[in-house]
Amino acid sequence: TSESMLLTAVRNFTSPTTVQPPQSQGTNTTRSNVVTKCADTSNLWASCTCSLELCIGWYPCGLKFCKGKSDGKKPASTYRCGIKTCKKYFLFSYYSKMKQNCMWDE
């Protein structure tokens, strides 16, 4: 499927990898591939993790219901009185070969 093809092409650039150095046979060392954030580096040519925040400040996400007044004999009834609104935030982080390609992440 197209999803499995995509997952084979993408790699996690923040996970540690195990490296077998040639001079020390049988000893595994773990080298971290953790890349610094673009906001934390001043070198424009260094690779870094770029972040982009997206905020949807208002979108309709349901109906708003209000309660009517009860007359003592009947319980209060509910009625539609508007639209419920929501907001949502997303934070996208991705690898950039150069900080120069991620100047908004300051």
N, C-alpha and C. Protein backbone atom coordinates (compact mmCIF):
# COMPACT_ATOMS: atom_id res chain seq x y z
N THR A 1 0.84 -1.19 0.00
CA THR A 1 0.00 0.00 0.00
C THR A 1 0.88 1.24 0.00
N SER A 2 0.26 2.37 -0.25
CA SER A 2 1.03 3.61 -0.29
C SER A 2 1.51 4.00 1.10
N GLU A 3 0.75 3.64 2.14
CA GLU A 3 1.18 3.96 3.50
C GLU A 3 2.44 3.18 3.87
N SER A 4 2.50 1.92 3.53
CA SER A 4 3.70 1.13 3.85
C SER A 4 4.91 1.61 3.06
N MET A 5 4.70 2.07 1.82
CA MET A 5 5.80 2.63 1.04
C MET A 5 6.31 3.91 1.68
N LEU A 6 5.41 4.72 2.20
CA LEU A 6 5.81 5.96 2.86
C LEU A 6 6.59 5.66 4.13
N LEU A 7 6.12 4.71 4.93
CA LEU A 7 6.78 4.39 6.18
C LEU A 7 8.18 3.81 5.96
N THR A 8 8.41 3.11 4.85
CA THR A 8 9.75 2.60 4.58
C THR A 8 10.69 3.72 4.12
N ALA A 9 10.16 4.78 3.56
CA ALA A 9 10.99 5.89 3.07
C ALA A 9 11.33 6.89 4.16
N VAL A 10 10.56 6.90 5.24
CA VAL A 10 10.74 7.89 6.31
C VAL A 10 11.52 7.24 7.44
N ARG A 11 12.43 8.00 8.04
CA ARG A 11 13.15 7.49 9.21
C ARG A 11 13.06 8.51 10.33
N ASN A 12 13.12 8.01 11.55
CA ASN A 12 13.10 8.87 12.73
C ASN A 12 14.50 9.42 12.95
N PHE A 13 14.70 10.71 12.83
CA PHE A 13 16.03 11.29 12.94
C PHE A 13 16.40 11.63 14.36
N THR A 14 15.55 11.37 15.35
CA THR A 14 15.87 11.67 16.74
C THR A 14 16.16 10.43 17.56
N SER A 15 16.05 9.23 17.00
CA SER A 15 16.28 8.02 17.78
C SER A 15 17.76 7.67 17.79
N PRO A 16 18.24 7.13 18.91
CA PRO A 16 19.65 6.73 18.96
C PRO A 16 19.90 5.50 18.10
N THR A 17 21.11 5.40 17.59
CA THR A 17 21.49 4.25 16.77
C THR A 17 22.67 3.55 17.41
N THR A 18 22.79 2.27 17.17
CA THR A 18 23.91 1.50 17.69
C THR A 18 24.98 1.39 16.61
N VAL A 19 26.20 1.73 16.99
CA VAL A 19 27.31 1.75 16.04
C VAL A 19 28.35 0.73 16.49
N GLN A 20 28.90 -0.02 15.57
CA GLN A 20 29.96 -0.99 15.84
C GLN A 20 31.27 -0.41 15.33
N PRO A 21 32.11 0.15 16.22
CA PRO A 21 33.38 0.71 15.75
C PRO A 21 34.33 -0.41 15.32
N PRO A 22 35.12 -0.20 14.25
CA PRO A 22 35.99 -1.25 13.74
C PRO A 22 37.14 -1.60 14.68
N GLN A 23 37.68 -0.66 15.47
CA GLN A 23 38.83 -0.93 16.31
C GLN A 23 38.49 -1.74 17.56
N SER A 24 37.27 -1.69 18.06
CA SER A 24 36.91 -2.43 19.26
C SER A 24 35.90 -3.51 18.89
N GLN A 25 36.37 -4.70 18.67
CA GLN A 25 35.51 -5.80 18.26
C GLN A 25 34.64 -6.24 19.43
N GLY A 26 33.34 -6.39 19.18
CA GLY A 26 32.43 -6.90 20.20
C GLY A 26 31.89 -5.85 21.14
N THR A 27 32.28 -4.61 21.03
CA THR A 27 31.78 -3.57 21.92
C THR A 27 30.85 -2.66 21.14
N ASN A 28 29.63 -2.54 21.63
CA ASN A 28 28.65 -1.65 21.00
C ASN A 28 28.66 -0.31 21.71
N THR A 29 28.66 0.74 20.95
CA THR A 29 28.50 2.07 21.53
C THR A 29 27.26 2.69 20.92
N THR A 30 26.58 3.48 21.71
CA THR A 30 25.37 4.13 21.22
C THR A 30 25.69 5.58 20.92
N ARG A 31 25.45 5.96 19.70
CA ARG A 31 25.66 7.34 19.29
C ARG A 31 24.28 7.97 19.09
N SER A 32 24.09 9.11 19.66
CA SER A 32 22.78 9.76 19.55
C SER A 32 22.74 10.62 18.30
N ASN A 33 21.67 10.46 17.53
CA ASN A 33 21.47 11.28 16.34
C ASN A 33 20.54 12.45 16.64
N VAL A 34 20.41 12.81 17.90
CA VAL A 34 19.50 13.88 18.26
C VAL A 34 20.02 15.18 17.67
N VAL A 35 19.18 15.83 16.93
CA VAL A 35 19.54 17.07 16.25
C VAL A 35 19.01 18.22 17.08
N THR A 36 19.81 19.28 17.23
CA THR A 36 19.38 20.43 18.03
C THR A 36 18.24 21.17 17.34
N LYS A 37 17.50 21.91 18.13
CA LYS A 37 16.42 22.74 17.59
C LYS A 37 17.03 23.91 16.83
N CYS A 38 16.37 24.33 15.78
CA CYS A 38 16.86 25.47 14.99
C CYS A 38 16.89 26.74 15.84
N ALA A 39 15.97 26.86 16.78
CA ALA A 39 15.93 28.05 17.63
C ALA A 39 17.13 28.11 18.58
N ASP A 40 17.77 26.95 18.83
CA ASP A 40 18.88 26.89 19.78
C ASP A 40 20.25 27.02 19.13
N THR A 41 20.32 27.07 17.81
CA THR A 41 21.62 27.18 17.14
C THR A 41 21.74 28.52 16.43
N SER A 42 22.95 29.03 16.38
CA SER A 42 23.18 30.31 15.69
C SER A 42 23.84 30.10 14.32
N ASN A 43 24.32 28.89 14.06
CA ASN A 43 24.99 28.58 12.79
C ASN A 43 23.94 28.39 11.70
N LEU A 44 23.95 29.25 10.69
CA LEU A 44 22.96 29.17 9.61
C LEU A 44 23.12 27.94 8.74
N TRP A 45 24.28 27.28 8.78
CA TRP A 45 24.54 26.13 7.91
C TRP A 45 24.42 24.80 8.65
N ALA A 46 24.10 24.84 9.93
CA ALA A 46 24.00 23.60 10.72
C ALA A 46 22.65 22.94 10.50
N SER A 47 22.64 21.60 10.56
CA SER A 47 21.37 20.89 10.48
C SER A 47 20.65 21.02 11.82
N CYS A 48 19.33 21.02 11.77
CA CYS A 48 18.56 21.24 12.99
C CYS A 48 17.12 20.74 12.82
N THR A 49 16.40 20.74 13.92
CA THR A 49 14.99 20.37 13.90
C THR A 49 14.17 21.64 13.83
N CYS A 50 13.43 21.80 12.77
CA CYS A 50 12.61 22.98 12.55
C CYS A 50 11.20 22.72 13.07
N SER A 51 10.60 23.72 13.67
CA SER A 51 9.24 23.58 14.20
C SER A 51 8.34 24.65 13.61
N LEU A 52 7.13 24.26 13.34
CA LEU A 52 6.12 25.17 12.81
C LEU A 52 4.84 24.96 13.60
N GLU A 53 4.37 26.02 14.25
CA GLU A 53 3.14 25.93 15.04
C GLU A 53 1.98 26.48 14.24
N LEU A 54 0.90 25.75 14.26
CA LEU A 54 -0.31 26.15 13.55
C LEU A 54 -1.45 26.18 14.55
N CYS A 55 -2.18 27.28 14.58
CA CYS A 55 -3.30 27.43 15.50
C CYS A 55 -4.55 27.76 14.71
N ILE A 56 -5.56 26.93 14.87
CA ILE A 56 -6.88 27.23 14.32
C ILE A 56 -7.67 27.78 15.49
N GLY A 57 -7.83 29.09 15.52
CA GLY A 57 -8.40 29.76 16.68
C GLY A 57 -9.90 29.62 16.84
N TRP A 58 -10.60 29.33 15.77
CA TRP A 58 -12.05 29.22 15.85
C TRP A 58 -12.54 28.31 14.74
N TYR A 59 -13.29 27.30 15.14
CA TYR A 59 -14.00 26.49 14.15
C TYR A 59 -15.23 25.90 14.82
N PRO A 60 -16.33 25.74 14.08
CA PRO A 60 -17.54 25.17 14.67
C PRO A 60 -17.33 23.68 14.93
N CYS A 61 -17.68 23.24 16.14
CA CYS A 61 -17.43 21.84 16.47
C CYS A 61 -18.64 21.16 17.10
N GLY A 62 -19.78 21.83 17.12
CA GLY A 62 -20.97 21.19 17.68
C GLY A 62 -22.08 22.19 17.89
N LEU A 63 -23.19 21.68 18.37
CA LEU A 63 -24.33 22.54 18.68
C LEU A 63 -24.30 22.91 20.15
N LYS A 64 -24.73 24.11 20.44
CA LYS A 64 -24.81 24.57 21.82
C LYS A 64 -26.26 24.45 22.26
N PHE A 65 -26.47 23.84 23.42
CA PHE A 65 -27.82 23.66 23.94
C PHE A 65 -27.99 24.48 25.21
N CYS A 66 -29.15 25.11 25.35
CA CYS A 66 -29.48 25.91 26.53
C CYS A 66 -30.71 25.29 27.20
N LYS A 67 -30.86 25.59 28.48
CA LYS A 67 -32.03 25.09 29.21
C LYS A 67 -33.07 26.20 29.29
N GLY A 68 -34.31 25.80 29.02
CA GLY A 68 -35.41 26.74 29.17
C GLY A 68 -35.86 26.82 30.62
N LYS A 69 -36.73 27.75 30.91
CA LYS A 69 -37.24 27.89 32.28
C LYS A 69 -38.31 26.84 32.53
N SER A 70 -38.31 26.31 33.74
CA SER A 70 -39.37 25.35 34.09
C SER A 70 -40.52 26.10 34.74
N ASP A 71 -41.72 25.59 34.55
CA ASP A 71 -42.88 26.24 35.14
C ASP A 71 -43.28 25.58 36.46
N GLY A 72 -42.42 24.74 37.00
CA GLY A 72 -42.72 24.09 38.27
C GLY A 72 -43.29 22.70 38.08
N LYS A 73 -44.14 22.51 37.10
CA LYS A 73 -44.75 21.20 36.88
C LYS A 73 -43.89 20.34 35.97
N LYS A 74 -43.33 20.94 34.93
CA LYS A 74 -42.51 20.21 33.97
C LYS A 74 -41.03 20.52 34.22
N PRO A 75 -40.16 19.55 33.93
CA PRO A 75 -38.72 19.85 34.03
C PRO A 75 -38.32 20.82 32.91
N ALA A 76 -37.22 21.50 33.14
CA ALA A 76 -36.74 22.47 32.14
C ALA A 76 -36.38 21.75 30.85
N SER A 77 -36.81 22.29 29.74
CA SER A 77 -36.50 21.69 28.44
C SER A 77 -35.23 22.33 27.87
N THR A 78 -34.56 21.58 27.01
CA THR A 78 -33.37 22.11 26.35
C THR A 78 -33.71 22.45 24.90
N TYR A 79 -33.02 23.43 24.38
CA TYR A 79 -33.21 23.84 22.99
C TYR A 79 -31.87 24.28 22.41
N ARG A 80 -31.76 24.20 21.09
CA ARG A 80 -30.54 24.65 20.43
C ARG A 80 -30.48 26.17 20.46
N CYS A 81 -29.38 26.68 20.95
CA CYS A 81 -29.28 28.14 21.06
C CYS A 81 -28.03 28.70 20.41
N GLY A 82 -27.28 27.89 19.69
CA GLY A 82 -26.08 28.43 19.04
C GLY A 82 -25.15 27.32 18.58
N ILE A 83 -23.95 27.72 18.24
CA ILE A 83 -22.93 26.80 17.75
C ILE A 83 -21.77 26.79 18.74
N LYS A 84 -21.37 25.60 19.15
CA LYS A 84 -20.22 25.46 20.03
C LYS A 84 -18.96 25.65 19.18
N THR A 85 -18.01 26.42 19.69
CA THR A 85 -16.77 26.67 18.95
C THR A 85 -15.60 26.05 19.70
N CYS A 86 -14.59 25.69 18.95
CA CYS A 86 -13.39 25.07 19.51
C CYS A 86 -12.15 25.71 18.88
N LYS A 87 -10.99 25.43 19.47
CA LYS A 87 -9.71 25.81 18.88
C LYS A 87 -8.78 24.63 18.97
N LYS A 88 -7.81 24.59 18.07
CA LYS A 88 -6.90 23.46 18.01
C LYS A 88 -5.51 23.95 17.65
N TYR A 89 -4.50 23.37 18.31
CA TYR A 89 -3.11 23.72 18.05
C TYR A 89 -2.37 22.50 17.52
N PHE A 90 -1.49 22.73 16.57
CA PHE A 90 -0.64 21.68 16.01
C PHE A 90 0.80 22.16 16.06
N LEU A 91 1.71 21.27 16.34
CA LEU A 91 3.14 21.58 16.30
C LEU A 91 3.82 20.55 15.40
N PHE A 92 4.32 21.01 14.27
CA PHE A 92 5.00 20.15 13.32
C PHE A 92 6.50 20.34 13.49
N SER A 93 7.23 19.26 13.68
CA SER A 93 8.69 19.29 13.79
C SER A 93 9.27 18.42 12.69
N TYR A 94 10.29 18.92 12.02
CA TYR A 94 10.89 18.17 10.93
C TYR A 94 12.36 18.54 10.80
N TYR A 95 13.10 17.68 10.17
CA TYR A 95 14.53 17.85 9.98
C TYR A 95 14.81 18.84 8.85
N SER A 96 15.74 19.75 9.11
CA SER A 96 16.18 20.69 8.09
C SER A 96 17.70 20.57 7.96
N LYS A 97 18.20 20.50 6.73
CA LYS A 97 19.65 20.37 6.53
C LYS A 97 20.40 21.63 6.93
N MET A 98 19.71 22.77 6.88
CA MET A 98 20.34 24.04 7.25
C MET A 98 19.34 24.90 8.01
N LYS A 99 19.82 25.61 9.03
CA LYS A 99 18.95 26.54 9.74
C LYS A 99 18.44 27.62 8.80
N GLN A 100 19.18 27.91 7.77
CA GLN A 100 18.81 28.93 6.80
C GLN A 100 17.45 28.62 6.16
N ASN A 101 17.05 27.36 6.13
CA ASN A 101 15.75 26.96 5.58
C ASN A 101 14.62 27.03 6.60
N CYS A 102 14.93 27.52 7.78
CA CYS A 102 13.94 27.53 8.87
C CYS A 102 14.07 28.81 9.69
N MET A 103 14.01 29.94 9.04
CA MET A 103 14.26 31.21 9.73
C MET A 103 13.10 31.67 10.61
N TRP A 104 11.91 31.10 10.46
CA TRP A 104 10.77 31.52 11.29
C TRP A 104 10.82 30.89 12.67
N ASP A 105 11.66 29.89 12.88
CA ASP A 105 11.72 29.17 14.16
C ASP A 105 12.74 29.84 15.07
N GLU A 106 12.43 31.00 15.56
CA GLU A 106 13.36 31.75 16.43
C GLU A 106 12.87 31.80 17.85
